[in-house]
Amino acid sequence: LTDFSMPIILDKPDIPEKTGQIRVYPNPSEENINIEILNYDTNSKLALNDISGNIIPFKYKKSETNNGAIFTLSSKNMKPGIYFLSITGNETFTIEKLMIVK
């Protein structure tokens, strides 16, 4: 049984992690969700899936910071439930569980 409440980071042991720390807040959320990625890899891609694995289209606003980036995801058109955000970088893959409540 896998606990998806913690991020899963897969990378090669001899390659340092490039994306660094990821914070998702507020979680659970009623409106917008912020995804903060320290040491953001500009080649990173975000994808969102519902609990059934369906790809969910989403819109976000990206803000660059001194040490990374913050993505503000609008959950306005999302139904309440559990979603999985995957962040893929050059040598990393992370999954974060998001909860939408209304």
PDB file of N, CA and C in Angstrom:
ATOM      1  N   LEU A   1       0.861  -1.184   0.000  1.00  0.00           N
ATOM      2  CA  LEU A   1       0.000   0.000   0.000  1.00  0.00           C
ATOM      3  C   LEU A   1       0.892   1.226   0.000  1.00  0.00           C
ATOM      4  N   THR A   2       0.653   2.136  -0.920  1.00  0.00           N
ATOM      5  CA  THR A   2       1.472   3.330  -1.057  1.00  0.00           C
ATOM      6  C   THR A   2       0.765   4.521  -0.435  1.00  0.00           C
ATOM      7  N   ASP A   3       1.503   5.301   0.353  1.00  0.00           N
ATOM      8  CA  ASP A   3       0.979   6.515   0.963  1.00  0.00           C
ATOM      9  C   ASP A   3       1.315   7.686   0.052  1.00  0.00           C
ATOM     10  N   PHE A   4       0.324   8.220  -0.672  1.00  0.00           N
ATOM     11  CA  PHE A   4       0.558   9.309  -1.595  1.00  0.00           C
ATOM     12  C   PHE A   4       0.537  10.674  -0.927  1.00  0.00           C
ATOM     13  N   SER A   5       0.459  10.724   0.398  1.00  0.00           N
ATOM     14  CA  SER A   5       0.483  12.013   1.077  1.00  0.00           C
ATOM     15  C   SER A   5       1.903  12.570   1.140  1.00  0.00           C
ATOM     16  N   MET A   6       2.897  11.738   0.879  1.00  0.00           N
ATOM     17  CA  MET A   6       4.283  12.175   0.867  1.00  0.00           C
ATOM     18  C   MET A   6       4.765  12.183  -0.578  1.00  0.00           C
ATOM     19  N   PRO A   7       5.631  13.136  -0.939  1.00  0.00           N
ATOM     20  CA  PRO A   7       6.115  13.152  -2.314  1.00  0.00           C
ATOM     21  C   PRO A   7       6.973  11.929  -2.613  1.00  0.00           C
ATOM     22  N   ILE A   8       6.885  11.451  -3.831  1.00  0.00           N
ATOM     23  CA  ILE A   8       7.710  10.345  -4.283  1.00  0.00           C
ATOM     24  C   ILE A   8       8.718  10.930  -5.253  1.00  0.00           C
ATOM     25  N   ILE A   9       9.990  10.778  -4.951  1.00  0.00           N
ATOM     26  CA  ILE A   9      11.025  11.322  -5.809  1.00  0.00           C
ATOM     27  C   ILE A   9      11.884  10.164  -6.296  1.00  0.00           C
ATOM     28  N   LEU A  10      11.916   9.989  -7.593  1.00  0.00           N
ATOM     29  CA  LEU A  10      12.732   8.956  -8.200  1.00  0.00           C
ATOM     30  C   LEU A  10      13.844   9.635  -8.973  1.00  0.00           C
ATOM     31  N   ASP A  11      15.068   9.310  -8.677  1.00  0.00           N
ATOM     32  CA  ASP A  11      16.167   9.843  -9.459  1.00  0.00           C
ATOM     33  C   ASP A  11      17.329   8.861  -9.426  1.00  0.00           C
ATOM     34  N   LYS A  12      18.294   9.107 -10.279  1.00  0.00           N
ATOM     35  CA  LYS A  12      19.476   8.255 -10.306  1.00  0.00           C
ATOM     36  C   LYS A  12      20.337   8.593  -9.097  1.00  0.00           C
ATOM     37  N   PRO A  13      20.859   7.593  -8.371  1.00  0.00           N
ATOM     38  CA  PRO A  13      21.600   7.884  -7.148  1.00  0.00           C
ATOM     39  C   PRO A  13      22.845   8.727  -7.356  1.00  0.00           C
ATOM     40  N   ASP A  14      23.463   8.672  -8.544  1.00  0.00           N
ATOM     41  CA  ASP A  14      24.690   9.424  -8.763  1.00  0.00           C
ATOM     42  C   ASP A  14      24.450  10.826  -9.316  1.00  0.00           C
ATOM     43  N   ILE A  15      23.188  11.207  -9.517  1.00  0.00           N
ATOM     44  CA  ILE A  15      22.859  12.535 -10.024  1.00  0.00           C
ATOM     45  C   ILE A  15      22.146  13.307  -8.923  1.00  0.00           C
ATOM     46  N   PRO A  16      22.657  14.475  -8.545  1.00  0.00           N
ATOM     47  CA  PRO A  16      21.989  15.233  -7.485  1.00  0.00           C
ATOM     48  C   PRO A  16      20.595  15.667  -7.907  1.00  0.00           C
ATOM     49  N   GLU A  17      19.713  15.754  -6.945  1.00  0.00           N
ATOM     50  CA  GLU A  17      18.339  16.185  -7.221  1.00  0.00           C
ATOM     51  C   GLU A  17      18.355  17.632  -7.668  1.00  0.00           C
ATOM     52  N   LYS A  18      17.692  17.944  -8.777  1.00  0.00           N
ATOM     53  CA  LYS A  18      17.724  19.287  -9.338  1.00  0.00           C
ATOM     54  C   LYS A  18      16.513  20.122  -8.966  1.00  0.00           C
ATOM     55  N   THR A  19      15.347  19.496  -8.791  1.00  0.00           N
ATOM     56  CA  THR A  19      14.167  20.306  -8.521  1.00  0.00           C
ATOM     57  C   THR A  19      14.084  20.754  -7.075  1.00  0.00           C
ATOM     58  N   GLY A  20      14.794  20.110  -6.183  1.00  0.00           N
ATOM     59  CA  GLY A  20      14.793  20.531  -4.794  1.00  0.00           C
ATOM     60  C   GLY A  20      13.464  20.287  -4.117  1.00  0.00           C
ATOM     61  N   GLN A  21      13.149  21.134  -3.176  1.00  0.00           N
ATOM     62  CA  GLN A  21      11.966  20.972  -2.345  1.00  0.00           C
ATOM     63  C   GLN A  21      10.716  21.476  -3.060  1.00  0.00           C
ATOM     64  N   ILE A  22       9.606  20.776  -2.830  1.00  0.00           N
ATOM     65  CA  ILE A  22       8.317  21.163  -3.406  1.00  0.00           C
ATOM     66  C   ILE A  22       7.322  21.344  -2.262  1.00  0.00           C
ATOM     67  N   ARG A  23       6.615  22.471  -2.273  1.00  0.00           N
ATOM     68  CA  ARG A  23       5.556  22.720  -1.288  1.00  0.00           C
ATOM     69  C   ARG A  23       4.257  22.963  -2.029  1.00  0.00           C
ATOM     70  N   VAL A  24       3.183  22.361  -1.524  1.00  0.00           N
ATOM     71  CA  VAL A  24       1.852  22.549  -2.094  1.00  0.00           C
ATOM     72  C   VAL A  24       0.967  23.105  -0.982  1.00  0.00           C
ATOM     73  N   TYR A  25       0.355  24.273  -1.212  1.00  0.00           N
ATOM     74  CA  TYR A  25      -0.460  24.910  -0.181  1.00  0.00           C
ATOM     75  C   TYR A  25      -1.491  25.827  -0.815  1.00  0.00           C
ATOM     76  N   PRO A  26      -2.621  26.074  -0.189  1.00  0.00           N
ATOM     77  CA  PRO A  26      -3.182  25.266   0.899  1.00  0.00           C
ATOM     78  C   PRO A  26      -3.660  23.924   0.341  1.00  0.00           C
ATOM     79  N   ASN A  27      -3.585  22.928   1.146  1.00  0.00           N
ATOM     80  CA  ASN A  27      -3.992  21.593   0.722  1.00  0.00           C
ATOM     81  C   ASN A  27      -4.582  20.884   1.929  1.00  0.00           C
ATOM     82  N   PRO A  28      -5.882  20.695   1.987  1.00  0.00           N
ATOM     83  CA  PRO A  28      -6.900  20.848   0.953  1.00  0.00           C
ATOM     84  C   PRO A  28      -7.181  22.317   0.636  1.00  0.00           C
ATOM     85  N   SER A  29      -7.801  22.523  -0.529  1.00  0.00           N
ATOM     86  CA  SER A  29      -8.060  23.871  -1.019  1.00  0.00           C
ATOM     87  C   SER A  29      -9.483  23.995  -1.550  1.00  0.00           C
ATOM     88  N   GLU A  30     -10.021  25.208  -1.429  1.00  0.00           N
ATOM     89  CA  GLU A  30     -11.330  25.511  -2.007  1.00  0.00           C
ATOM     90  C   GLU A  30     -11.181  26.282  -3.311  1.00  0.00           C
ATOM     91  N   GLU A  31     -10.093  27.022  -3.463  1.00  0.00           N
ATOM     92  CA  GLU A  31      -9.932  27.876  -4.641  1.00  0.00           C
ATOM     93  C   GLU A  31      -8.603  27.613  -5.330  1.00  0.00           C
ATOM     94  N   ASN A  32      -7.616  28.454  -5.091  1.00  0.00           N
ATOM     95  CA  ASN A  32      -6.323  28.321  -5.753  1.00  0.00           C
ATOM     96  C   ASN A  32      -5.360  27.479  -4.919  1.00  0.00           C
ATOM     97  N   ILE A  33      -4.489  26.764  -5.623  1.00  0.00           N
ATOM     98  CA  ILE A  33      -3.447  25.965  -4.970  1.00  0.00           C
ATOM     99  C   ILE A  33      -2.106  26.481  -5.468  1.00  0.00           C
ATOM    100  N   ASN A  34      -1.182  26.708  -4.542  1.00  0.00           N
ATOM    101  CA  ASN A  34       0.165  27.148  -4.895  1.00  0.00           C
ATOM    102  C   ASN A  34       1.107  25.954  -4.871  1.00  0.00           C
ATOM    103  N   ILE A  35       1.907  25.832  -5.916  1.00  0.00           N
ATOM    104  CA  ILE A  35       2.932  24.799  -5.984  1.00  0.00           C
ATOM    105  C   ILE A  35       4.259  25.526  -6.064  1.00  0.00           C
ATOM    106  N   GLU A  36       5.030  25.452  -4.996  1.00  0.00           N
ATOM    107  CA  GLU A  36       6.312  26.144  -4.932  1.00  0.00           C
ATOM    108  C   GLU A  36       7.425  25.127  -5.149  1.00  0.00           C
ATOM    109  N   ILE A  37       8.261  25.390  -6.145  1.00  0.00           N
ATOM    110  CA  ILE A  37       9.370  24.487  -6.465  1.00  0.00           C
ATOM    111  C   ILE A  37      10.665  25.267  -6.304  1.00  0.00           C
ATOM    112  N   LEU A  38      11.482  24.853  -5.328  1.00  0.00           N
ATOM    113  CA  LEU A  38      12.783  25.478  -5.139  1.00  0.00           C
ATOM    114  C   LEU A  38      13.762  24.872  -6.135  1.00  0.00           C
ATOM    115  N   ASN A  39      14.700  25.669  -6.603  1.00  0.00           N
ATOM    116  CA  ASN A  39      15.669  25.235  -7.627  1.00  0.00           C
ATOM    117  C   ASN A  39      14.938  24.669  -8.833  1.00  0.00           C
ATOM    118  N   TYR A  40      13.955  25.399  -9.301  1.00  0.00           N
ATOM    119  CA  TYR A  40      13.082  24.977 -10.387  1.00  0.00           C
ATOM    120  C   TYR A  40      13.862  24.705 -11.671  1.00  0.00           C
ATOM    121  N   ASP A  41      13.624  23.553 -12.251  1.00  0.00           N
ATOM    122  CA  ASP A  41      14.194  23.164 -13.531  1.00  0.00           C
ATOM    123  C   ASP A  41      13.253  23.677 -14.629  1.00  0.00           C
ATOM    124  N   THR A  42      13.724  24.557 -15.509  1.00  0.00           N
ATOM    125  CA  THR A  42      12.854  25.164 -16.513  1.00  0.00           C
ATOM    126  C   THR A  42      12.296  24.148 -17.504  1.00  0.00           C
ATOM    127  N   ASN A  43      12.854  22.946 -17.552  1.00  0.00           N
ATOM    128  CA  ASN A  43      12.333  21.889 -18.420  1.00  0.00           C
ATOM    129  C   ASN A  43      11.253  21.058 -17.732  1.00  0.00           C
ATOM    130  N   SER A  44      10.920  21.382 -16.488  1.00  0.00           N
ATOM    131  CA  SER A  44       9.921  20.614 -15.745  1.00  0.00           C
ATOM    132  C   SER A  44       8.549  20.750 -16.386  1.00  0.00           C
ATOM    133  N   LYS A  45       7.765  19.686 -16.265  1.00  0.00           N
ATOM    134  CA  LYS A  45       6.397  19.680 -16.786  1.00  0.00           C
ATOM    135  C   LYS A  45       5.443  19.275 -15.677  1.00  0.00           C
ATOM    136  N   LEU A  46       4.274  19.896 -15.663  1.00  0.00           N
ATOM    137  CA  LEU A  46       3.241  19.590 -14.687  1.00  0.00           C
ATOM    138  C   LEU A  46       2.103  18.856 -15.381  1.00  0.00           C
ATOM    139  N   ALA A  47       1.554  17.854 -14.707  1.00  0.00           N
ATOM    140  CA  ALA A  47       0.379  17.139 -15.221  1.00  0.00           C
ATOM    141  C   ALA A  47      -0.541  16.860 -14.039  1.00  0.00           C
ATOM    142  N   LEU A  48      -1.842  16.855 -14.294  1.00  0.00           N
ATOM    143  CA  LEU A  48      -2.830  16.648 -13.238  1.00  0.00           C
ATOM    144  C   LEU A  48      -3.757  15.506 -13.639  1.00  0.00           C
ATOM    145  N   ASN A  49      -3.950  14.573 -12.705  1.00  0.00           N
ATOM    146  CA  ASN A  49      -4.847  13.437 -12.925  1.00  0.00           C
ATOM    147  C   ASN A  49      -5.823  13.337 -11.774  1.00  0.00           C
ATOM    148  N   ASP A  50      -7.051  12.871 -12.090  1.00  0.00           N
ATOM    149  CA  ASP A  50      -7.996  12.589 -11.004  1.00  0.00           C
ATOM    150  C   ASP A  50      -7.682  11.208 -10.442  1.00  0.00           C
ATOM    151  N   ILE A  51      -8.442  10.800  -9.453  1.00  0.00           N
ATOM    152  CA  ILE A  51      -8.173   9.544  -8.761  1.00  0.00           C
ATOM    153  C   ILE A  51      -8.351   8.329  -9.676  1.00  0.00           C
ATOM    154  N   SER A  52      -9.106   8.498 -10.788  1.00  0.00           N
ATOM    155  CA  SER A  52      -9.288   7.406 -11.756  1.00  0.00           C
ATOM    156  C   SER A  52      -8.194   7.371 -12.809  1.00  0.00           C
ATOM    157  N   GLY A  53      -7.285   8.351 -12.782  1.00  0.00           N
ATOM    158  CA  GLY A  53      -6.197   8.401 -13.745  1.00  0.00           C
ATOM    159  C   GLY A  53      -6.473   9.253 -14.959  1.00  0.00           C
ATOM    160  N   ASN A  54      -7.659   9.859 -15.022  1.00  0.00           N
ATOM    161  CA  ASN A  54      -7.996  10.727 -16.155  1.00  0.00           C
ATOM    162  C   ASN A  54      -7.165  12.005 -16.110  1.00  0.00           C
ATOM    163  N   ILE A  55      -6.692  12.446 -17.265  1.00  0.00           N
ATOM    164  CA  ILE A  55      -5.943  13.698 -17.351  1.00  0.00           C
ATOM    165  C   ILE A  55      -6.915  14.859 -17.211  1.00  0.00           C
ATOM    166  N   ILE A  56      -6.582  15.789 -16.317  1.00  0.00           N
ATOM    167  CA  ILE A  56      -7.436  16.940 -16.038  1.00  0.00           C
ATOM    168  C   ILE A  56      -6.755  18.197 -16.594  1.00  0.00           C
ATOM    169  N   PRO A  57      -7.411  18.884 -17.526  1.00  0.00           N
ATOM    170  CA  PRO A  57      -6.831  20.148 -18.010  1.00  0.00           C
ATOM    171  C   PRO A  57      -6.896  21.195 -16.894  1.00  0.00           C
ATOM    172  N   PHE A  58      -5.872  22.015 -16.817  1.00  0.00           N
ATOM    173  CA  PHE A  58      -5.853  23.040 -15.772  1.00  0.00           C
ATOM    174  C   PHE A  58      -5.095  24.255 -16.274  1.00  0.00           C
ATOM    175  N   LYS A  59      -5.369  25.381 -15.632  1.00  0.00           N
ATOM    176  CA  LYS A  59      -4.679  26.624 -15.932  1.00  0.00           C
ATOM    177  C   LYS A  59      -3.883  27.036 -14.708  1.00  0.00           C
ATOM    178  N   TYR A  60      -2.742  27.641 -14.958  1.00  0.00           N
ATOM    179  CA  TYR A  60      -1.930  28.114 -13.841  1.00  0.00           C
ATOM    180  C   TYR A  60      -1.225  29.404 -14.228  1.00  0.00           C
ATOM    181  N   LYS A  61      -0.799  30.124 -13.201  1.00  0.00           N
ATOM    182  CA  LYS A  61       0.004  31.328 -13.370  1.00  0.00           C
ATOM    183  C   LYS A  61       1.368  31.035 -12.758  1.00  0.00           C
ATOM    184  N   LYS A  62       2.424  31.316 -13.491  1.00  0.00           N
ATOM    185  CA  LYS A  62       3.781  31.045 -13.017  1.00  0.00           C
ATOM    186  C   LYS A  62       4.441  32.340 -12.584  1.00  0.00           C
ATOM    187  N   SER A  63       5.052  32.304 -11.395  1.00  0.00           N
ATOM    188  CA  SER A  63       5.799  33.447 -10.878  1.00  0.00           C
ATOM    189  C   SER A  63       7.213  32.979 -10.550  1.00  0.00           C
ATOM    190  N   GLU A  64       8.205  33.632 -11.122  1.00  0.00           N
ATOM    191  CA  GLU A  64       9.600  33.309 -10.826  1.00  0.00           C
ATOM    192  C   GLU A  64       9.976  33.920  -9.475  1.00  0.00           C
ATOM    193  N   THR A  65      10.767  33.194  -8.692  1.00  0.00           N
ATOM    194  CA  THR A  65      11.292  33.707  -7.431  1.00  0.00           C
ATOM    195  C   THR A  65      12.811  33.662  -7.504  1.00  0.00           C
ATOM    196  N   ASN A  66      13.474  34.173  -6.465  1.00  0.00           N
ATOM    197  CA  ASN A  66      14.942  34.174  -6.447  1.00  0.00           C
ATOM    198  C   ASN A  66      15.519  32.760  -6.502  1.00  0.00           C
ATOM    199  N   ASN A  67      14.822  31.806  -5.894  1.00  0.00           N
ATOM    200  CA  ASN A  67      15.379  30.454  -5.812  1.00  0.00           C
ATOM    201  C   ASN A  67      14.444  29.392  -6.382  1.00  0.00           C
ATOM    202  N   GLY A  68      13.541  29.781  -7.289  1.00  0.00           N
ATOM    203  CA  GLY A  68      12.638  28.780  -7.854  1.00  0.00           C
ATOM    204  C   GLY A  68      11.467  29.409  -8.581  1.00  0.00           C
ATOM    205  N   ALA A  69      10.318  28.759  -8.472  1.00  0.00           N
ATOM    206  CA  ALA A  69       9.105  29.236  -9.131  1.00  0.00           C
ATOM    207  C   ALA A  69       7.889  28.832  -8.310  1.00  0.00           C
ATOM    208  N   ILE A  70       6.839  29.624  -8.416  1.00  0.00           N
ATOM    209  CA  ILE A  70       5.560  29.313  -7.782  1.00  0.00           C
ATOM    210  C   ILE A  70       4.509  29.247  -8.882  1.00  0.00           C
ATOM    211  N   PHE A  71       3.795  28.141  -8.932  1.00  0.00           N
ATOM    212  CA  PHE A  71       2.698  27.957  -9.875  1.00  0.00           C
ATOM    213  C   PHE A  71       1.407  28.062  -9.078  1.00  0.00           C
ATOM    214  N   THR A  72       0.510  28.952  -9.474  1.00  0.00           N
ATOM    215  CA  THR A  72      -0.784  29.084  -8.832  1.00  0.00           C
ATOM    216  C   THR A  72      -1.809  28.431  -9.745  1.00  0.00           C
ATOM    217  N   LEU A  73      -2.354  27.319  -9.283  1.00  0.00           N
ATOM    218  CA  LEU A  73      -3.287  26.506 -10.050  1.00  0.00           C
ATOM    219  C   LEU A  73      -4.707  26.880  -9.664  1.00  0.00           C
ATOM    220  N   SER A  74      -5.540  27.182 -10.634  1.00  0.00           N
ATOM    221  CA  SER A  74      -6.935  27.501 -10.366  1.00  0.00           C
ATOM    222  C   SER A  74      -7.745  26.217 -10.270  1.00  0.00           C
ATOM    223  N   SER A  75      -8.424  26.046  -9.149  1.00  0.00           N
ATOM    224  CA  SER A  75      -9.277  24.869  -8.964  1.00  0.00           C
ATOM    225  C   SER A  75     -10.758  25.233  -9.135  1.00  0.00           C
ATOM    226  N   LYS A  76     -11.009  26.408  -9.719  1.00  0.00           N
ATOM    227  CA  LYS A  76     -12.372  26.922  -9.873  1.00  0.00           C
ATOM    228  C   LYS A  76     -13.286  25.942 -10.608  1.00  0.00           C
ATOM    229  N   ASN A  77     -12.800  25.333 -11.680  1.00  0.00           N
ATOM    230  CA  ASN A  77     -13.624  24.425 -12.481  1.00  0.00           C
ATOM    231  C   ASN A  77     -13.437  22.952 -12.127  1.00  0.00           C
ATOM    232  N   MET A  78     -12.740  22.679 -11.031  1.00  0.00           N
ATOM    233  CA  MET A  78     -12.498  21.298 -10.626  1.00  0.00           C
ATOM    234  C   MET A  78     -13.568  20.845  -9.639  1.00  0.00           C
ATOM    235  N   LYS A  79     -13.973  19.603  -9.762  1.00  0.00           N
ATOM    236  CA  LYS A  79     -14.931  19.030  -8.825  1.00  0.00           C
ATOM    237  C   LYS A  79     -14.208  18.683  -7.526  1.00  0.00           C
ATOM    238  N   PRO A  80     -14.931  18.678  -6.397  1.00  0.00           N
ATOM    239  CA  PRO A  80     -14.298  18.249  -5.149  1.00  0.00           C
ATOM    240  C   PRO A  80     -13.787  16.812  -5.284  1.00  0.00           C
ATOM    241  N   GLY A  81     -12.635  16.557  -4.698  1.00  0.00           N
ATOM    242  CA  GLY A  81     -12.077  15.210  -4.744  1.00  0.00           C
ATOM    243  C   GLY A  81     -10.572  15.215  -4.599  1.00  0.00           C
ATOM    244  N   ILE A  82      -9.978  14.076  -4.881  1.00  0.00           N
ATOM    245  CA  ILE A  82      -8.535  13.878  -4.768  1.00  0.00           C
ATOM    246  C   ILE A  82      -7.944  13.868  -6.168  1.00  0.00           C
ATOM    247  N   TYR A  83      -6.831  14.591  -6.322  1.00  0.00           N
ATOM    248  CA  TYR A  83      -6.119  14.692  -7.590  1.00  0.00           C
ATOM    249  C   TYR A  83      -4.640  14.423  -7.329  1.00  0.00           C
ATOM    250  N   PHE A  84      -3.931  14.054  -8.385  1.00  0.00           N
ATOM    251  CA  PHE A  84      -2.496  13.821  -8.286  1.00  0.00           C
ATOM    252  C   PHE A  84      -1.783  14.712  -9.288  1.00  0.00           C
ATOM    253  N   LEU A  85      -0.881  15.539  -8.766  1.00  0.00           N
ATOM    254  CA  LEU A  85      -0.082  16.426  -9.584  1.00  0.00           C
ATOM    255  C   LEU A  85       1.278  15.775  -9.765  1.00  0.00           C
ATOM    256  N   SER A  86       1.672  15.546 -11.010  1.00  0.00           N
ATOM    257  CA  SER A  86       3.012  15.001 -11.257  1.00  0.00           C
ATOM    258  C   SER A  86       3.884  16.100 -11.841  1.00  0.00           C
ATOM    259  N   ILE A  87       5.100  16.157 -11.339  1.00  0.00           N
ATOM    260  CA  ILE A  87       6.087  17.138 -11.768  1.00  0.00           C
ATOM    261  C   ILE A  87       7.283  16.350 -12.280  1.00  0.00           C
ATOM    262  N   THR A  88       7.565  16.514 -13.563  1.00  0.00           N
ATOM    263  CA  THR A  88       8.660  15.782 -14.187  1.00  0.00           C
ATOM    264  C   THR A  88       9.756  16.761 -14.556  1.00  0.00           C
ATOM    265  N   GLY A  89      10.975  16.495 -14.084  1.00  0.00           N
ATOM    266  CA  GLY A  89      12.142  17.307 -14.417  1.00  0.00           C
ATOM    267  C   GLY A  89      13.117  16.478 -15.232  1.00  0.00           C
ATOM    268  N   ASN A  90      14.319  16.995 -15.411  1.00  0.00           N
ATOM    269  CA  ASN A  90      15.329  16.271 -16.183  1.00  0.00           C
ATOM    270  C   ASN A  90      15.672  14.922 -15.568  1.00  0.00           C
ATOM    271  N   GLU A  91      15.905  14.892 -14.255  1.00  0.00           N
ATOM    272  CA  GLU A  91      16.271  13.645 -13.600  1.00  0.00           C
ATOM    273  C   GLU A  91      15.353  13.292 -12.433  1.00  0.00           C
ATOM    274  N   THR A  92      14.197  13.942 -12.332  1.00  0.00           N
ATOM    275  CA  THR A  92      13.318  13.693 -11.189  1.00  0.00           C
ATOM    276  C   THR A  92      11.876  13.513 -11.637  1.00  0.00           C
ATOM    277  N   PHE A  93      11.134  12.839 -10.780  1.00  0.00           N
ATOM    278  CA  PHE A  93       9.695  12.666 -10.981  1.00  0.00           C
ATOM    279  C   PHE A  93       9.058  12.704  -9.602  1.00  0.00           C
ATOM    280  N   THR A  94       8.124  13.616  -9.390  1.00  0.00           N
ATOM    281  CA  THR A  94       7.481  13.785  -8.087  1.00  0.00           C
ATOM    282  C   THR A  94       5.978  13.770  -8.269  1.00  0.00           C
ATOM    283  N   ILE A  95       5.281  13.139  -7.330  1.00  0.00           N
ATOM    284  CA  ILE A  95       3.817  13.148  -7.324  1.00  0.00           C
ATOM    285  C   ILE A  95       3.346  13.761  -6.002  1.00  0.00           C
ATOM    286  N   GLU A  96       2.438  14.716  -6.104  1.00  0.00           N
ATOM    287  CA  GLU A  96       1.838  15.352  -4.924  1.00  0.00           C
ATOM    288  C   GLU A  96       0.335  15.107  -4.958  1.00  0.00           C
ATOM    289  N   LYS A  97      -0.232  14.774  -3.818  1.00  0.00           N
ATOM    290  CA  LYS A  97      -1.687  14.588  -3.710  1.00  0.00           C
ATOM    291  C   LYS A  97      -2.338  15.930  -3.397  1.00  0.00           C
ATOM    292  N   LEU A  98      -3.365  16.284  -4.173  1.00  0.00           N
ATOM    293  CA  LEU A  98      -4.123  17.516  -3.946  1.00  0.00           C
ATOM    294  C   LEU A  98      -5.543  17.151  -3.564  1.00  0.00           C
ATOM    295  N   MET A  99      -6.121  17.893  -2.651  1.00  0.00           N
ATOM    296  CA  MET A  99      -7.513  17.689  -2.270  1.00  0.00           C
ATOM    297  C   MET A  99      -8.272  18.977  -2.520  1.00  0.00           C
ATOM    298  N   ILE A 100      -9.360  18.852  -3.289  1.00  0.00           N
ATOM    299  CA  ILE A 100     -10.232  19.991  -3.565  1.00  0.00           C
ATOM    300  C   ILE A 100     -11.520  19.801  -2.771  1.00  0.00           C
ATOM    301  N   VAL A 101     -11.869  20.805  -1.979  1.00  0.00           N
ATOM    302  CA  VAL A 101     -13.100  20.788  -1.187  1.00  0.00           C
ATOM    303  C   VAL A 101     -13.901  22.027  -1.554  1.00  0.00           C
ATOM    304  N   LYS A 102     -15.208  21.914  -1.565  1.00  0.00           N
ATOM    305  CA  LYS A 102     -16.048  23.088  -1.879  1.00  0.00           C
ATOM    306  C   LYS A 102     -17.247  23.102  -0.977  1.00  0.00           C
TER     307      LYS A 102
END
